[in-house]
C-alpha atoms as a PDB file:
ATOM      1  CA  MET A   1     131.542 109.796 121.646  1.00  0.00           C
ATOM      2  CA  PHE A   2     132.717 109.469 118.037  1.00  0.00           C
ATOM      3  CA  HIS A   3     131.314 112.952 117.373  1.00  0.00           C
ATOM      4  CA  ILE A   4     133.584 114.439 120.034  1.00  0.00           C
ATOM      5  CA  VAL A   5     136.617 112.602 118.643  1.00  0.00           C
ATOM      6  CA  LEU A   6     135.883 114.138 115.235  1.00  0.00           C
ATOM      7  CA  HIS A   7     136.007 117.619 116.783  1.00  0.00           C
ATOM      8  CA  PHE A   8     139.669 116.922 117.576  1.00  0.00           C
ATOM      9  CA  LEU A   9     140.578 114.731 114.604  1.00  0.00           C
ATOM     10  CA  VAL A  10     139.249 116.805 111.689  1.00  0.00           C
ATOM     11  CA  PRO A  11     141.104 120.005 112.731  1.00  0.00           C
ATOM     12  CA  ALA A  12     144.269 117.890 113.162  1.00  0.00           C
ATOM     13  CA  ILE A  13     143.910 116.564 109.624  1.00  0.00           C
ATOM     14  CA  ILE A  14     143.320 120.069 108.200  1.00  0.00           C
ATOM     15  CA  ALA A  15     146.311 121.421 110.139  1.00  0.00           C
ATOM     16  CA  ALA A  16     148.520 118.545 108.935  1.00  0.00           C
ATOM     17  CA  LEU A  17     147.467 118.940 105.306  1.00  0.00           C
ATOM     18  CA  PHE A  18     147.590 122.710 104.956  1.00  0.00           C
ATOM     19  CA  TYR A  19     149.623 124.119 107.866  1.00  0.00           C
ATOM     20  CA  ARG A  20     152.324 121.496 108.412  1.00  0.00           C
ATOM     21  CA  LYS A  21     154.986 123.975 109.611  1.00  0.00           C
ATOM     22  CA  MET A  22     152.640 125.344 112.311  1.00  0.00           C
ATOM     23  CA  LEU A  23     150.691 122.161 112.927  1.00  0.00           C
ATOM     24  CA  LEU A  24     150.365 122.333 116.721  1.00  0.00           C
ATOM     25  CA  LYS A  25     149.613 126.067 116.845  1.00  0.00           C
ATOM     26  CA  VAL A  26     146.988 125.840 114.094  1.00  0.00           C
ATOM     27  CA  TRP A  27     145.399 122.752 115.650  1.00  0.00           C
ATOM     28  CA  LEU A  28     145.188 124.439 119.057  1.00  0.00           C
ATOM     29  CA  ILE A  29     143.586 127.547 117.537  1.00  0.00           C
ATOM     30  CA  MET A  30     140.955 125.435 115.794  1.00  0.00           C
ATOM     31  CA  ILE A  31     140.346 123.367 118.941  1.00  0.00           C
ATOM     32  CA  ALA A  32     139.908 126.587 120.930  1.00  0.00           C
ATOM     33  CA  THR A  33     136.866 127.393 118.794  1.00  0.00           C
ATOM     34  CA  MET A  34     134.993 124.694 120.693  1.00  0.00           C
ATOM     35  CA  ILE A  35     134.325 127.471 123.189  1.00  0.00           C
ATOM     36  CA  VAL A  36     131.199 128.153 121.094  1.00  0.00           C
ATOM     37  CA  ASP A  37     129.703 125.157 122.864  1.00  0.00           C
ATOM     38  CA  LEU A  38     129.317 127.331 125.950  1.00  0.00           C
ATOM     39  CA  ASP A  39     125.941 128.299 124.524  1.00  0.00           C
ATOM     40  CA  HIS A  40     124.794 124.790 125.446  1.00  0.00           C
ATOM     41  CA  LEU A  41     124.777 126.024 129.053  1.00  0.00           C
ATOM     42  CA  LEU A  42     121.754 128.172 128.174  1.00  0.00           C
ATOM     43  CA  ALA A  43     119.643 125.174 127.144  1.00  0.00           C
ATOM     44  CA  ASN A  44     117.423 123.119 129.403  1.00  0.00           C
ATOM     45  CA  PRO A  45     118.425 120.322 129.455  1.00  0.00           C
ATOM     46  CA  MET A  46     122.020 121.210 128.593  1.00  0.00           C
ATOM     47  CA  TYR A  47     122.468 117.982 126.650  1.00  0.00           C
ATOM     48  CA  ASP A  48     119.770 116.253 124.664  1.00  0.00           C
ATOM     49  CA  PRO A  49     121.007 113.502 122.332  1.00  0.00           C
ATOM     50  CA  ASN A  50     117.979 113.978 120.083  1.00  0.00           C
ATOM     51  CA  ARG A  51     118.368 117.745 119.671  1.00  0.00           C
ATOM     52  CA  CYS A  52     120.125 119.311 116.695  1.00  0.00           C
ATOM     53  CA  SER A  53     122.477 122.061 117.874  1.00  0.00           C
ATOM     54  CA  ILE A  54     122.304 123.928 114.578  1.00  0.00           C
ATOM     55  CA  GLY A  55     119.500 126.447 114.730  1.00  0.00           C
ATOM     56  CA  PHE A  56     118.839 125.804 118.416  1.00  0.00           C
ATOM     57  CA  HIS A  57     121.727 127.367 120.339  1.00  0.00           C
ATOM     58  CA  PRO A  58     122.608 131.060 119.780  1.00  0.00           C
ATOM     59  CA  LEU A  59     126.207 130.464 118.656  1.00  0.00           C
ATOM     60  CA  HIS A  60     124.985 127.616 116.450  1.00  0.00           C
ATOM     61  CA  SER A  61     122.276 129.685 114.743  1.00  0.00           C
ATOM     62  CA  TYR A  62     122.066 129.932 110.970  1.00  0.00           C
ATOM     63  CA  MET A  63     123.048 133.604 111.147  1.00  0.00           C
ATOM     64  CA  ALA A  64     126.112 132.716 113.227  1.00  0.00           C
ATOM     65  CA  VAL A  65     127.105 130.096 110.656  1.00  0.00           C
ATOM     66  CA  VAL A  66     126.822 132.694 107.873  1.00  0.00           C
ATOM     67  CA  ILE A  67     129.112 134.987 109.877  1.00  0.00           C
ATOM     68  CA  TYR A  68     131.622 132.172 110.446  1.00  0.00           C
ATOM     69  CA  VAL A  69     131.704 131.447 106.713  1.00  0.00           C
ATOM     70  CA  GLY A  70     132.145 135.161 105.988  1.00  0.00           C
ATOM     71  CA  LEU A  71     135.107 135.261 108.362  1.00  0.00           C
ATOM     72  CA  LEU A  72     136.887 132.759 106.111  1.00  0.00           C
ATOM     73  CA  PHE A  73     137.602 135.726 103.833  1.00  0.00           C
ATOM     74  CA  VAL A  74     139.333 137.740 106.567  1.00  0.00           C
ATOM     75  CA  PRO A  75     142.974 136.594 106.682  1.00  0.00           C
ATOM     76  CA  ARG A  76     143.613 137.663 110.295  1.00  0.00           C
ATOM     77  CA  VAL A  77     140.876 135.404 111.670  1.00  0.00           C
ATOM     78  CA  ARG A  78     140.847 132.687 109.001  1.00  0.00           C
ATOM     79  CA  LEU A  79     142.102 129.916 111.308  1.00  0.00           C
ATOM     80  CA  ILE A  80     139.407 130.711 113.850  1.00  0.00           C
ATOM     81  CA  ALA A  81     136.818 130.740 111.063  1.00  0.00           C
ATOM     82  CA  ILE A  82     138.038 127.387 109.756  1.00  0.00           C
ATOM     83  CA  GLY A  83     137.703 125.922 113.242  1.00  0.00           C
ATOM     84  CA  LEU A  84     134.198 127.341 113.623  1.00  0.00           C
ATOM     85  CA  VAL A  85     133.052 126.130 110.210  1.00  0.00           C
ATOM     86  CA  ILE A  86     134.441 122.636 110.887  1.00  0.00           C
ATOM     87  CA  HIS A  87     132.667 122.641 114.245  1.00  0.00           C
ATOM     88  CA  MET A  88     129.343 123.678 112.704  1.00  0.00           C
ATOM     89  CA  ALA A  89     129.691 121.152 109.867  1.00  0.00           C
ATOM     90  CA  LEU A  90     130.314 118.335 112.340  1.00  0.00           C
ATOM     91  CA  ASP A  91     127.403 119.440 114.509  1.00  0.00           C
ATOM     92  CA  TYR A  92     125.176 119.642 111.430  1.00  0.00           C
ATOM     93  CA  ALA A  93     126.219 116.159 110.312  1.00  0.00           C
ATOM     94  CA  ASP A  94     125.385 114.919 113.822  1.00  0.00           C
ATOM     95  CA  CYS A  95     121.790 116.050 113.249  1.00  0.00           C
ATOM     96  CA  PHE A  96     121.370 113.259 110.705  1.00  0.00           C
ATOM     97  CA  ILE A  97     123.022 110.455 112.652  1.00  0.00           C
END
């Protein structure tokens, strides 16, 4: 449960710190990146509390993460990339908890 809260809280903090004038818009863009979790629908079972998402689901693969980090350098999609990188970092941290 705390993991899910972090997926909403961390983007809010980043938006508040760095994009104060567009806080709601930036936060919503970063929250929208949670659509990458649709790849969990391909797994059987869909949810396994002992499974690490990173490296298991297609949109959570190591290659996907490299692409998301690379997108940080493209200004037009930077907010999406930030949301994706935050999402992957939180999912990765969840692998150790």
